Amino acid sequence: MVKRFSRIPNGIAFPSTQTLLSAVDRYLERELKRAGVNQDIIADLAISVSELVNNAILHGNQRDESKKVTLQLFFEAGAVTICVEDEGKGFDPGQVANPLEGENLMREVGRGIFIVRSLVDSVEFLRGQNGGVRVKLVKKFAV
């Protein structure tokens, strides 16, 4: 594991840098495999978490490496809950433009949350402990 990760209960915390994205992905996949999650579900969660972590780094923490992103995984029978949290100023997810509306179809940005919603069973945007955003997603899987 990269030395810049800190262990926290049920997960990791790390500085807001995109250079750690592949290491975060490896951590996530390792933990999901350890819990017996099948490869199709792992792929959906890897895409979703990568998008959320990238958003936390770029939009939430504004690439400020002094601010942390946290990733936590909570397993229960047949489901995993994953939380990604930043230390930014927060945002209103209701203000995110629908990427399927005419004027947004050709935009190169703005699809991340839409993609995440399509790959998991539920997504919640909450106020984080440090004022940022805490995204909580749930994905069910067969055990």
Foldseek 3Di string as FASTA:
>chain_A
DDPQWDDDVQWIKGFLDPVCLVVRLVVQLVVCVVVVFDPVLSVLVSLLVSLVSNCQSCPFVVVGRVWMWIWGWDDDAFKIKIKIWTQGQEDDPVPQDDCPDDVNVPDPDRCNVVSNPVSADDWDWDQDPNNYTIIITMHGGHD
